[in-house]
């Protein structure tokens, strides 16, 4: 009977300390080094980025790629979009576009006519700069058949 109280107290203390460690992990900043030496996986300059492709019923492919950097950090952004076609089991480049801005965000929207009977995707390379430092992410859109 007397042994149950110390065990209950030990469990309560363990739960308390485990929740404190969990709260620390949630409040981390991007790139912060954890106590065990691991680096948190967030990107330092890129806050959000994505690539999309849409093909109309008439075969007009529209490519939409954006990158958003952390506004208080990023001084320039660059977007490169490679429209690719699946032909004979290989992805081949059809058209490439790029843009850059002296801003923490960039968007690229382009369109072109594509051939029927193939699948298409966009492979985007987005880069955010802080002075001469940079961070790059490659994003592949979903595949769209036409």
C-alpha atoms as a PDB file:
ATOM      1  CA  UNK A   1       0.000   0.000   0.000  1.00  0.00           C
ATOM      2  CA  UNK A   2       2.781   2.461   0.921  1.00  0.00           C
ATOM      3  CA  UNK A   3       4.752   1.528  -2.203  1.00  0.00           C
ATOM      4  CA  UNK A   4       2.029   2.849  -4.558  1.00  0.00           C
ATOM      5  CA  UNK A   5       2.466   6.518  -3.549  1.00  0.00           C
ATOM      6  CA  UNK A   6       6.197   6.778  -4.514  1.00  0.00           C
ATOM      7  CA  UNK A   7       5.534   5.026  -7.830  1.00  0.00           C
ATOM      8  CA  UNK A   8       2.601   7.363  -8.560  1.00  0.00           C
ATOM      9  CA  UNK A   9       4.768  10.372  -7.649  1.00  0.00           C
ATOM     10  CA  UNK A  10       7.590   9.153  -9.924  1.00  0.00           C
ATOM     11  CA  UNK A  11       5.187   8.716 -12.843  1.00  0.00           C
ATOM     12  CA  UNK A  12       3.791  12.242 -12.317  1.00  0.00           C
ATOM     13  CA  UNK A  13       7.293  13.745 -12.311  1.00  0.00           C
ATOM     14  CA  UNK A  14       8.230  11.807 -15.472  1.00  0.00           C
ATOM     15  CA  UNK A  15       5.101  13.072 -17.264  1.00  0.00           C
ATOM     16  CA  UNK A  16       5.832  16.638 -16.166  1.00  0.00           C
ATOM     17  CA  UNK A  17       9.408  16.571 -17.485  1.00  0.00           C
ATOM     18  CA  UNK A  18       8.432  14.910 -20.762  1.00  0.00           C
ATOM     19  CA  UNK A  19       5.859  17.635 -21.472  1.00  0.00           C
ATOM     20  CA  UNK A  20       8.432  20.365 -20.803  1.00  0.00           C
ATOM     21  CA  UNK A  21      10.773  18.860 -23.415  1.00  0.00           C
ATOM     22  CA  UNK A  22       7.900  18.612 -25.902  1.00  0.00           C
ATOM     23  CA  UNK A  23       7.006  22.277 -25.461  1.00  0.00           C
ATOM     24  CA  UNK A  24      10.613  23.233 -26.230  1.00  0.00           C
ATOM     25  CA  UNK A  25      10.575  21.298 -29.502  1.00  0.00           C
ATOM     26  CA  UNK A  26       7.389  23.025 -30.666  1.00  0.00           C
ATOM     27  CA  UNK A  27       8.752  26.525 -30.034  1.00  0.00           C
ATOM     28  CA  UNK A  28      11.992  26.066 -31.996  1.00  0.00           C
ATOM     29  CA  UNK A  29      13.144  28.538 -34.620  1.00  0.00           C
ATOM     30  CA  UNK A  30      14.144  27.320 -38.115  1.00  0.00           C
ATOM     31  CA  UNK A  31      17.657  25.904 -38.090  1.00  0.00           C
ATOM     32  CA  UNK A  32      17.914  25.877 -34.286  1.00  0.00           C
ATOM     33  CA  UNK A  33      20.288  23.260 -32.943  1.00  0.00           C
ATOM     34  CA  UNK A  34      18.655  20.767 -30.596  1.00  0.00           C
ATOM     35  CA  UNK A  35      20.224  19.803 -27.273  1.00  0.00           C
ATOM     36  CA  UNK A  36      21.396  16.487 -28.711  1.00  0.00           C
ATOM     37  CA  UNK A  37      23.221  18.240 -31.572  1.00  0.00           C
ATOM     38  CA  UNK A  38      20.655  17.604 -34.322  1.00  0.00           C
ATOM     39  CA  UNK A  39      19.510  20.482 -36.503  1.00  0.00           C
ATOM     40  CA  UNK A  40      15.788  21.065 -36.915  1.00  0.00           C
ATOM     41  CA  UNK A  41      14.671  20.369 -40.503  1.00  0.00           C
ATOM     42  CA  UNK A  42      13.064  23.721 -41.360  1.00  0.00           C
ATOM     43  CA  UNK A  43      14.548  25.784 -44.145  1.00  0.00           C
ATOM     44  CA  UNK A  44      16.407  28.939 -43.177  1.00  0.00           C
ATOM     45  CA  UNK A  45      15.293  31.229 -46.002  1.00  0.00           C
ATOM     46  CA  UNK A  46      12.385  29.496 -47.800  1.00  0.00           C
ATOM     47  CA  UNK A  47       9.113  29.693 -45.897  1.00  0.00           C
ATOM     48  CA  UNK A  48       6.890  28.183 -48.588  1.00  0.00           C
ATOM     49  CA  UNK A  49       7.159  27.049 -52.212  1.00  0.00           C
ATOM     50  CA  UNK A  50       5.178  24.947 -54.657  1.00  0.00           C
ATOM     51  CA  UNK A  51       4.736  24.050 -58.316  1.00  0.00           C
ATOM     52  CA  UNK A  52       1.557  23.252 -60.240  1.00  0.00           C
ATOM     53  CA  UNK A  53       0.547  22.304 -63.752  1.00  0.00           C
ATOM     54  CA  UNK A  54      -2.895  22.408 -65.281  1.00  0.00           C
ATOM     55  CA  UNK A  55      -3.863  21.422 -68.845  1.00  0.00           C
ATOM     56  CA  UNK A  56      -7.081  22.677 -70.410  1.00  0.00           C
ATOM     57  CA  UNK A  57      -9.303  20.519 -72.614  1.00  0.00           C
ATOM     58  CA  UNK A  58      -7.788  22.276 -75.659  1.00  0.00           C
ATOM     59  CA  UNK A  59      -4.219  21.341 -74.611  1.00  0.00           C
ATOM     60  CA  UNK A  60      -3.061  24.617 -73.092  1.00  0.00           C
ATOM     61  CA  UNK A  61      -0.661  23.811 -70.228  1.00  0.00           C
ATOM     62  CA  UNK A  62      -0.381  26.441 -67.516  1.00  0.00           C
ATOM     63  CA  UNK A  63       2.602  26.310 -65.191  1.00  0.00           C
ATOM     64  CA  UNK A  64       2.435  28.084 -61.824  1.00  0.00           C
ATOM     65  CA  UNK A  65       5.433  28.153 -59.459  1.00  0.00           C
ATOM     66  CA  UNK A  66       6.024  30.328 -56.431  1.00  0.00           C
ATOM     67  CA  UNK A  67       8.525  30.807 -53.635  1.00  0.00           C
ATOM     68  CA  UNK A  68       8.015  32.822 -50.466  1.00  0.00           C
ATOM     69  CA  UNK A  69      11.007  33.566 -48.278  1.00  0.00           C
ATOM     70  CA  UNK A  70      11.021  34.866 -44.729  1.00  0.00           C
ATOM     71  CA  UNK A  71      10.258  38.557 -45.238  1.00  0.00           C
ATOM     72  CA  UNK A  72      12.668  39.829 -42.577  1.00  0.00           C
ATOM     73  CA  UNK A  73      15.559  37.729 -43.960  1.00  0.00           C
ATOM     74  CA  UNK A  74      15.324  37.206 -47.720  1.00  0.00           C
ATOM     75  CA  UNK A  75      16.531  39.927 -50.113  1.00  0.00           C
ATOM     76  CA  UNK A  76      16.075  38.152 -53.472  1.00  0.00           C
ATOM     77  CA  UNK A  77      14.205  35.139 -54.867  1.00  0.00           C
ATOM     78  CA  UNK A  78      14.526  33.138 -58.064  1.00  0.00           C
ATOM     79  CA  UNK A  79      12.187  30.648 -59.743  1.00  0.00           C
ATOM     80  CA  UNK A  80      13.067  28.259 -62.566  1.00  0.00           C
ATOM     81  CA  UNK A  81      10.370  26.010 -64.049  1.00  0.00           C
ATOM     82  CA  UNK A  82      11.040  23.097 -66.389  1.00  0.00           C
ATOM     83  CA  UNK A  83       7.962  21.717 -68.153  1.00  0.00           C
ATOM     84  CA  UNK A  84       8.624  18.038 -68.853  1.00  0.00           C
ATOM     85  CA  UNK A  85       6.910  15.451 -71.053  1.00  0.00           C
ATOM     86  CA  UNK A  86       6.918  11.686 -70.411  1.00  0.00           C
ATOM     87  CA  UNK A  87       7.946  10.168 -73.744  1.00  0.00           C
ATOM     88  CA  UNK A  88       9.115   6.565 -74.228  1.00  0.00           C
ATOM     89  CA  UNK A  89       9.387   6.100 -70.454  1.00  0.00           C
ATOM     90  CA  UNK A  90      11.678   9.144 -69.957  1.00  0.00           C
ATOM     91  CA  UNK A  91      10.976  12.657 -68.757  1.00  0.00           C
ATOM     92  CA  UNK A  92      12.269  15.173 -71.303  1.00  0.00           C
ATOM     93  CA  UNK A  93      12.311  18.952 -71.102  1.00  0.00           C
ATOM     94  CA  UNK A  94       9.788  20.747 -73.315  1.00  0.00           C
ATOM     95  CA  UNK A  95      10.229  24.355 -72.190  1.00  0.00           C
ATOM     96  CA  UNK A  96      12.052  26.185 -69.400  1.00  0.00           C
ATOM     97  CA  UNK A  97      11.190  29.559 -67.879  1.00  0.00           C
ATOM     98  CA  UNK A  98      12.779  31.598 -65.111  1.00  0.00           C
ATOM     99  CA  UNK A  99      12.298  34.814 -63.196  1.00  0.00           C
ATOM    100  CA  UNK A 100      13.964  36.539 -60.266  1.00  0.00           C
ATOM    101  CA  UNK A 101      12.989  39.453 -58.071  1.00  0.00           C
ATOM    102  CA  UNK A 102      14.686  41.633 -55.479  1.00  0.00           C
ATOM    103  CA  UNK A 103      11.924  40.637 -53.090  1.00  0.00           C
ATOM    104  CA  UNK A 104      11.212  37.950 -50.526  1.00  0.00           C
ATOM    105  CA  UNK A 105       8.740  36.313 -52.950  1.00  0.00           C
ATOM    106  CA  UNK A 106       8.521  35.419 -56.641  1.00  0.00           C
ATOM    107  CA  UNK A 107       5.826  33.885 -58.798  1.00  0.00           C
ATOM    108  CA  UNK A 108       6.123  32.476 -62.290  1.00  0.00           C
ATOM    109  CA  UNK A 109       3.023  31.766 -64.395  1.00  0.00           C
ATOM    110  CA  UNK A 110       3.509  30.675 -68.015  1.00  0.00           C
ATOM    111  CA  UNK A 111       1.535  28.678 -70.540  1.00  0.00           C
ATOM    112  CA  UNK A 112       2.009  26.902 -73.835  1.00  0.00           C
ATOM    113  CA  UNK A 113       0.260  24.435 -76.098  1.00  0.00           C
ATOM    114  CA  UNK A 114       1.182  20.754 -75.500  1.00  0.00           C
ATOM    115  CA  UNK A 115       0.715  17.576 -77.524  1.00  0.00           C
ATOM    116  CA  UNK A 116      -2.053  15.098 -76.799  1.00  0.00           C
ATOM    117  CA  UNK A 117      -1.299  11.556 -75.619  1.00  0.00           C
ATOM    118  CA  UNK A 118       1.432  12.359 -73.068  1.00  0.00           C
ATOM    119  CA  UNK A 119       1.860  13.034 -69.365  1.00  0.00           C
ATOM    120  CA  UNK A 120       3.401  16.287 -68.174  1.00  0.00           C
ATOM    121  CA  UNK A 121       4.921  17.642 -64.982  1.00  0.00           C
ATOM    122  CA  UNK A 122       6.859  20.679 -63.771  1.00  0.00           C
ATOM    123  CA  UNK A 123      10.207  20.421 -62.024  1.00  0.00           C
ATOM    124  CA  UNK A 124      10.799  23.742 -60.301  1.00  0.00           C
ATOM    125  CA  UNK A 125      13.977  25.012 -58.706  1.00  0.00           C
ATOM    126  CA  UNK A 126      13.378  27.854 -56.269  1.00  0.00           C
ATOM    127  CA  UNK A 127      16.098  29.840 -54.546  1.00  0.00           C
ATOM    128  CA  UNK A 128      15.974  32.399 -51.746  1.00  0.00           C
ATOM    129  CA  UNK A 129      18.937  34.678 -51.048  1.00  0.00           C
ATOM    130  CA  UNK A 130      20.137  36.536 -47.988  1.00  0.00           C
ATOM    131  CA  UNK A 131      22.926  38.652 -49.396  1.00  0.00           C
ATOM    132  CA  UNK A 132      25.380  36.206 -50.981  1.00  0.00           C
ATOM    133  CA  UNK A 133      24.036  33.208 -49.032  1.00  0.00           C
ATOM    134  CA  UNK A 134      21.318  31.145 -50.671  1.00  0.00           C
ATOM    135  CA  UNK A 135      19.048  28.191 -50.149  1.00  0.00           C
ATOM    136  CA  UNK A 136      17.566  26.082 -52.968  1.00  0.00           C
ATOM    137  CA  UNK A 137      14.673  23.651 -53.078  1.00  0.00           C
ATOM    138  CA  UNK A 138      13.574  21.434 -55.998  1.00  0.00           C
ATOM    139  CA  UNK A 139       9.832  20.801 -56.224  1.00  0.00           C
ATOM    140  CA  UNK A 140       8.187  18.387 -58.637  1.00  0.00           C
ATOM    141  CA  UNK A 141       4.504  18.914 -59.420  1.00  0.00           C
ATOM    142  CA  UNK A 142       1.995  16.143 -59.752  1.00  0.00           C
ATOM    143  CA  UNK A 143       1.781  14.414 -63.126  1.00  0.00           C
ATOM    144  CA  UNK A 144      -1.037  15.450 -65.498  1.00  0.00           C
ATOM    145  CA  UNK A 145      -2.113  13.432 -68.543  1.00  0.00           C
ATOM    146  CA  UNK A 146      -3.504  14.987 -71.702  1.00  0.00           C
END
